[in-house]
Amino acid sequence: MANVNIKLIKSLNGRIAKHKATAEALGLRKIGDTTVQPDNAATRGKIASIGYLLQVTEDK
C-alpha cells in the first residue's frame, strides 16, 4: 500500500477549531511538521478538508 507525506506549510493560528483538530489528528502541530500516513479514504478526507494548509506528496 502506498503512503503519503504530509507537511504543514501554513499556520494554524486563527483557523476554526475543526481544522485545528484535523491537523492534530494527522500529527501536525506547527509549521514544518511532517508525517507519513497511509493512502486511504480516511486520510484523503482529512487532507481534503484542510488541504490549503498542507503540502502533500505521494510515496511509491
PDB file of N, CA and C in Angstrom:
ATOM      1  N   MET A   1       0.847  -1.177   0.000  1.00  0.00           N
ATOM      2  CA  MET A   1       0.000   0.000   0.000  1.00  0.00           C
ATOM      3  C   MET A   1       0.893   1.242   0.000  1.00  0.00           C
ATOM      4  N   ALA A   2       0.484   2.231  -0.719  1.00  0.00           N
ATOM      5  CA  ALA A   2       1.249   3.476  -0.828  1.00  0.00           C
ATOM      6  C   ALA A   2       1.015   4.359   0.390  1.00  0.00           C
ATOM      7  N   ASN A   3       1.937   5.245   0.597  1.00  0.00           N
ATOM      8  CA  ASN A   3       1.843   6.217   1.679  1.00  0.00           C
ATOM      9  C   ASN A   3       1.874   7.620   1.103  1.00  0.00           C
ATOM     10  N   VAL A   4       1.443   8.597   1.898  1.00  0.00           N
ATOM     11  CA  VAL A   4       1.545  10.000   1.515  1.00  0.00           C
ATOM     12  C   VAL A   4       2.335  10.744   2.585  1.00  0.00           C
ATOM     13  N   ASN A   5       3.211  11.633   2.135  1.00  0.00           N
ATOM     14  CA  ASN A   5       3.940  12.518   3.030  1.00  0.00           C
ATOM     15  C   ASN A   5       3.150  13.812   3.134  1.00  0.00           C
ATOM     16  N   ILE A   6       2.889  14.252   4.348  1.00  0.00           N
ATOM     17  CA  ILE A   6       2.090  15.446   4.567  1.00  0.00           C
ATOM     18  C   ILE A   6       2.912  16.428   5.382  1.00  0.00           C
ATOM     19  N   LYS A   7       2.985  17.686   4.906  1.00  0.00           N
ATOM     20  CA  LYS A   7       3.750  18.722   5.583  1.00  0.00           C
ATOM     21  C   LYS A   7       2.842  19.929   5.818  1.00  0.00           C
ATOM     22  N   LEU A   8       2.850  20.453   7.036  1.00  0.00           N
ATOM     23  CA  LEU A   8       2.077  21.655   7.364  1.00  0.00           C
ATOM     24  C   LEU A   8       2.868  22.866   6.910  1.00  0.00           C
ATOM     25  N   ILE A   9       2.295  23.670   6.000  1.00  0.00           N
ATOM     26  CA  ILE A   9       3.028  24.806   5.453  1.00  0.00           C
ATOM     27  C   ILE A   9       2.434  26.146   5.851  1.00  0.00           C
ATOM     28  N   LYS A  10       1.253  26.147   6.424  1.00  0.00           N
ATOM     29  CA  LYS A  10       0.646  27.386   6.899  1.00  0.00           C
ATOM     30  C   LYS A  10       0.263  27.230   8.362  1.00  0.00           C
ATOM     31  N   SER A  11       0.238  28.340   9.073  1.00  0.00           N
ATOM     32  CA  SER A  11      -0.028  28.343  10.498  1.00  0.00           C
ATOM     33  C   SER A  11      -1.470  27.937  10.813  1.00  0.00           C
ATOM     34  N   LEU A  12      -1.654  27.387  12.005  1.00  0.00           N
ATOM     35  CA  LEU A  12      -2.993  27.036  12.475  1.00  0.00           C
ATOM     36  C   LEU A  12      -3.634  28.179  13.261  1.00  0.00           C
ATOM     37  N   ASN A  13      -2.877  29.250  13.494  1.00  0.00           N
ATOM     38  CA  ASN A  13      -3.426  30.399  14.224  1.00  0.00           C
ATOM     39  C   ASN A  13      -4.595  31.012  13.466  1.00  0.00           C
ATOM     40  N   GLY A  14      -5.679  31.249  14.164  1.00  0.00           N
ATOM     41  CA  GLY A  14      -6.853  31.876  13.572  1.00  0.00           C
ATOM     42  C   GLY A  14      -7.732  30.932  12.779  1.00  0.00           C
ATOM     43  N   ARG A  15      -7.404  29.667  12.720  1.00  0.00           N
ATOM     44  CA  ARG A  15      -8.230  28.694  11.982  1.00  0.00           C
ATOM     45  C   ARG A  15      -9.356  28.211  12.882  1.00  0.00           C
ATOM     46  N   ILE A  16     -10.410  27.691  12.256  1.00  0.00           N
ATOM     47  CA  ILE A  16     -11.523  27.195  13.048  1.00  0.00           C
ATOM     48  C   ILE A  16     -11.111  25.915  13.779  1.00  0.00           C
ATOM     49  N   ALA A  17     -11.786  25.628  14.856  1.00  0.00           N
ATOM     50  CA  ALA A  17     -11.421  24.514  15.736  1.00  0.00           C
ATOM     51  C   ALA A  17     -11.407  23.172  15.004  1.00  0.00           C
ATOM     52  N   LYS A  18     -12.327  22.984  14.082  1.00  0.00           N
ATOM     53  CA  LYS A  18     -12.395  21.727  13.338  1.00  0.00           C
ATOM     54  C   LYS A  18     -11.123  21.508  12.511  1.00  0.00           C
ATOM     55  N   HIS A  19     -10.599  22.563  11.906  1.00  0.00           N
ATOM     56  CA  HIS A  19      -9.388  22.439  11.107  1.00  0.00           C
ATOM     57  C   HIS A  19      -8.176  22.177  11.987  1.00  0.00           C
ATOM     58  N   LYS A  20      -8.126  22.808  13.149  1.00  0.00           N
ATOM     59  CA  LYS A  20      -7.036  22.545  14.095  1.00  0.00           C
ATOM     60  C   LYS A  20      -7.070  21.096  14.560  1.00  0.00           C
ATOM     61  N   ALA A  21      -8.251  20.589  14.836  1.00  0.00           N
ATOM     62  CA  ALA A  21      -8.399  19.206  15.296  1.00  0.00           C
ATOM     63  C   ALA A  21      -7.996  18.222  14.202  1.00  0.00           C
ATOM     64  N   THR A  22      -8.312  18.526  12.960  1.00  0.00           N
ATOM     65  CA  THR A  22      -7.935  17.653  11.852  1.00  0.00           C
ATOM     66  C   THR A  22      -6.421  17.614  11.691  1.00  0.00           C
ATOM     67  N   ALA A  23      -5.768  18.765  11.790  1.00  0.00           N
ATOM     68  CA  ALA A  23      -4.306  18.806  11.705  1.00  0.00           C
ATOM     69  C   ALA A  23      -3.689  18.011  12.847  1.00  0.00           C
ATOM     70  N   GLU A  24      -4.240  18.143  14.031  1.00  0.00           N
ATOM     71  CA  GLU A  24      -3.753  17.391  15.196  1.00  0.00           C
ATOM     72  C   GLU A  24      -3.926  15.892  14.977  1.00  0.00           C
ATOM     73  N   ALA A  25      -5.048  15.488  14.380  1.00  0.00           N
ATOM     74  CA  ALA A  25      -5.302  14.071  14.114  1.00  0.00           C
ATOM     75  C   ALA A  25      -4.292  13.505  13.111  1.00  0.00           C
ATOM     76  N   LEU A  26      -3.797  14.358  12.226  1.00  0.00           N
ATOM     77  CA  LEU A  26      -2.772  13.932  11.274  1.00  0.00           C
ATOM     78  C   LEU A  26      -1.377  13.968  11.890  1.00  0.00           C
ATOM     79  N   GLY A  27      -1.251  14.491  13.098  1.00  0.00           N
ATOM     80  CA  GLY A  27       0.040  14.547  13.775  1.00  0.00           C
ATOM     81  C   GLY A  27       0.825  15.804  13.479  1.00  0.00           C
ATOM     82  N   LEU A  28       0.134  16.859  13.033  1.00  0.00           N
ATOM     83  CA  LEU A  28       0.781  18.118  12.672  1.00  0.00           C
ATOM     84  C   LEU A  28       0.457  19.175  13.712  1.00  0.00           C
ATOM     85  N   ARG A  29       1.491  19.766  14.316  1.00  0.00           N
ATOM     86  CA  ARG A  29       1.268  20.742  15.376  1.00  0.00           C
ATOM     87  C   ARG A  29       1.787  22.133  15.037  1.00  0.00           C
ATOM     88  N   LYS A  30       2.896  22.207  14.294  1.00  0.00           N
ATOM     89  CA  LYS A  30       3.461  23.510  13.972  1.00  0.00           C
ATOM     90  C   LYS A  30       3.983  23.508  12.541  1.00  0.00           C
ATOM     91  N   ILE A  31       4.238  24.683  12.007  1.00  0.00           N
ATOM     92  CA  ILE A  31       4.698  24.811  10.632  1.00  0.00           C
ATOM     93  C   ILE A  31       5.985  24.011  10.445  1.00  0.00           C
ATOM     94  N   GLY A  32       6.041  23.254   9.364  1.00  0.00           N
ATOM     95  CA  GLY A  32       7.214  22.455   9.059  1.00  0.00           C
ATOM     96  C   GLY A  32       7.128  21.019   9.524  1.00  0.00           C
ATOM     97  N   ASP A  33       6.142  20.700  10.361  1.00  0.00           N
ATOM     98  CA  ASP A  33       5.961  19.313  10.799  1.00  0.00           C
ATOM     99  C   ASP A  33       5.578  18.446   9.608  1.00  0.00           C
ATOM    100  N   THR A  34       6.141  17.253   9.558  1.00  0.00           N
ATOM    101  CA  THR A  34       5.805  16.307   8.502  1.00  0.00           C
ATOM    102  C   THR A  34       5.385  14.985   9.129  1.00  0.00           C
ATOM    103  N   THR A  35       4.585  14.258   8.392  1.00  0.00           N
ATOM    104  CA  THR A  35       4.138  12.942   8.831  1.00  0.00           C
ATOM    105  C   THR A  35       3.906  12.073   7.605  1.00  0.00           C
ATOM    106  N   VAL A  36       4.001  10.782   7.803  1.00  0.00           N
ATOM    107  CA  VAL A  36       3.717   9.814   6.745  1.00  0.00           C
ATOM    108  C   VAL A  36       2.463   9.060   7.159  1.00  0.00           C
ATOM    109  N   GLN A  37       1.465   9.085   6.288  1.00  0.00           N
ATOM    110  CA  GLN A  37       0.182   8.448   6.562  1.00  0.00           C
ATOM    111  C   GLN A  37      -0.145   7.474   5.436  1.00  0.00           C
ATOM    112  N   PRO A  38      -0.943   6.444   5.728  1.00  0.00           N
ATOM    113  CA  PRO A  38      -1.356   5.532   4.659  1.00  0.00           C
ATOM    114  C   PRO A  38      -2.300   6.242   3.688  1.00  0.00           C
ATOM    115  N   ASP A  39      -2.210   5.880   2.433  1.00  0.00           N
ATOM    116  CA  ASP A  39      -3.060   6.485   1.403  1.00  0.00           C
ATOM    117  C   ASP A  39      -4.378   5.723   1.346  1.00  0.00           C
ATOM    118  N   ASN A  40      -5.335   6.163   2.151  1.00  0.00           N
ATOM    119  CA  ASN A  40      -6.655   5.531   2.157  1.00  0.00           C
ATOM    120  C   ASN A  40      -7.731   6.615   2.187  1.00  0.00           C
ATOM    121  N   ALA A  41      -8.977   6.204   2.175  1.00  0.00           N
ATOM    122  CA  ALA A  41     -10.087   7.151   2.098  1.00  0.00           C
ATOM    123  C   ALA A  41     -10.147   8.081   3.311  1.00  0.00           C
ATOM    124  N   ALA A  42      -9.858   7.568   4.497  1.00  0.00           N
ATOM    125  CA  ALA A  42      -9.917   8.387   5.704  1.00  0.00           C
ATOM    126  C   ALA A  42      -8.867   9.493   5.660  1.00  0.00           C
ATOM    127  N   THR A  43      -7.658   9.145   5.266  1.00  0.00           N
ATOM    128  CA  THR A  43      -6.592  10.138   5.183  1.00  0.00           C
ATOM    129  C   THR A  43      -6.888  11.152   4.091  1.00  0.00           C
ATOM    130  N   ARG A  44      -7.360  10.696   2.956  1.00  0.00           N
ATOM    131  CA  ARG A  44      -7.695  11.617   1.857  1.00  0.00           C
ATOM    132  C   ARG A  44      -8.809  12.581   2.248  1.00  0.00           C
ATOM    133  N   GLY A  45      -9.761  12.124   3.061  1.00  0.00           N
ATOM    134  CA  GLY A  45     -10.818  13.006   3.541  1.00  0.00           C
ATOM    135  C   GLY A  45     -10.283  14.097   4.439  1.00  0.00           C
ATOM    136  N   LYS A  46      -9.338  13.746   5.314  1.00  0.00           N
ATOM    137  CA  LYS A  46      -8.717  14.737   6.189  1.00  0.00           C
ATOM    138  C   LYS A  46      -7.924  15.749   5.376  1.00  0.00           C
ATOM    139  N   ILE A  47      -7.198  15.255   4.386  1.00  0.00           N
ATOM    140  CA  ILE A  47      -6.407  16.143   3.535  1.00  0.00           C
ATOM    141  C   ILE A  47      -7.327  17.101   2.776  1.00  0.00           C
ATOM    142  N   ALA A  48      -8.450  16.605   2.298  1.00  0.00           N
ATOM    143  CA  ALA A  48      -9.376  17.433   1.529  1.00  0.00           C
ATOM    144  C   ALA A  48      -9.943  18.569   2.365  1.00  0.00           C
ATOM    145  N   SER A  49     -10.158  18.328   3.666  1.00  0.00           N
ATOM    146  CA  SER A  49     -10.772  19.362   4.494  1.00  0.00           C
ATOM    147  C   SER A  49      -9.817  20.483   4.863  1.00  0.00           C
ATOM    148  N   ILE A  50      -8.509  20.202   4.919  1.00  0.00           N
ATOM    149  CA  ILE A  50      -7.543  21.251   5.267  1.00  0.00           C
ATOM    150  C   ILE A  50      -6.403  21.318   4.254  1.00  0.00           C
ATOM    151  N   GLY A  51      -6.673  20.949   3.035  1.00  0.00           N
ATOM    152  CA  GLY A  51      -5.650  20.890   2.002  1.00  0.00           C
ATOM    153  C   GLY A  51      -4.943  22.197   1.735  1.00  0.00           C
ATOM    154  N   TYR A  52      -5.612  23.322   1.984  1.00  0.00           N
ATOM    155  CA  TYR A  52      -4.998  24.624   1.748  1.00  0.00           C
ATOM    156  C   TYR A  52      -3.888  24.933   2.752  1.00  0.00           C
ATOM    157  N   LEU A  53      -3.764  24.143   3.807  1.00  0.00           N
ATOM    158  CA  LEU A  53      -2.712  24.330   4.813  1.00  0.00           C
ATOM    159  C   LEU A  53      -1.545  23.380   4.605  1.00  0.00           C
ATOM    160  N   LEU A  54      -1.682  22.430   3.678  1.00  0.00           N
ATOM    161  CA  LEU A  54      -0.754  21.319   3.577  1.00  0.00           C
ATOM    162  C   LEU A  54      -0.018  21.261   2.250  1.00  0.00           C
ATOM    163  N   GLN A  55       1.107  20.555   2.274  1.00  0.00           N
ATOM    164  CA  GLN A  55       1.797  20.139   1.067  1.00  0.00           C
ATOM    165  C   GLN A  55       1.821  18.623   1.098  1.00  0.00           C
ATOM    166  N   VAL A  56       1.286  17.985   0.089  1.00  0.00           N
ATOM    167  CA  VAL A  56       1.139  16.525   0.071  1.00  0.00           C
ATOM    168  C   VAL A  56       1.933  15.951  -1.091  1.00  0.00           C
ATOM    169  N   THR A  57       2.779  14.965  -0.793  1.00  0.00           N
ATOM    170  CA  THR A  57       3.497  14.243  -1.829  1.00  0.00           C
ATOM    171  C   THR A  57       3.251  12.752  -1.627  1.00  0.00           C
ATOM    172  N   GLU A  58       3.230  12.014  -2.718  1.00  0.00           N
ATOM    173  CA  GLU A  58       2.938  10.590  -2.640  1.00  0.00           C
ATOM    174  C   GLU A  58       4.220   9.773  -2.692  1.00  0.00           C
ATOM    175  N   ASP A  59       4.317   8.774  -1.820  1.00  0.00           N
ATOM    176  CA  ASP A  59       5.395   7.791  -1.846  1.00  0.00           C
ATOM    177  C   ASP A  59       4.959   6.640  -2.720  1.00  0.00           C
ATOM    178  N   LYS A  60       5.905   6.003  -3.344  1.00  0.00           N
ATOM    179  CA  LYS A  60       5.550   4.833  -4.155  1.00  0.00           C
ATOM    180  C   LYS A  60       6.322   3.645  -3.722  1.00  0.00           C
TER     181      LYS A  60
END
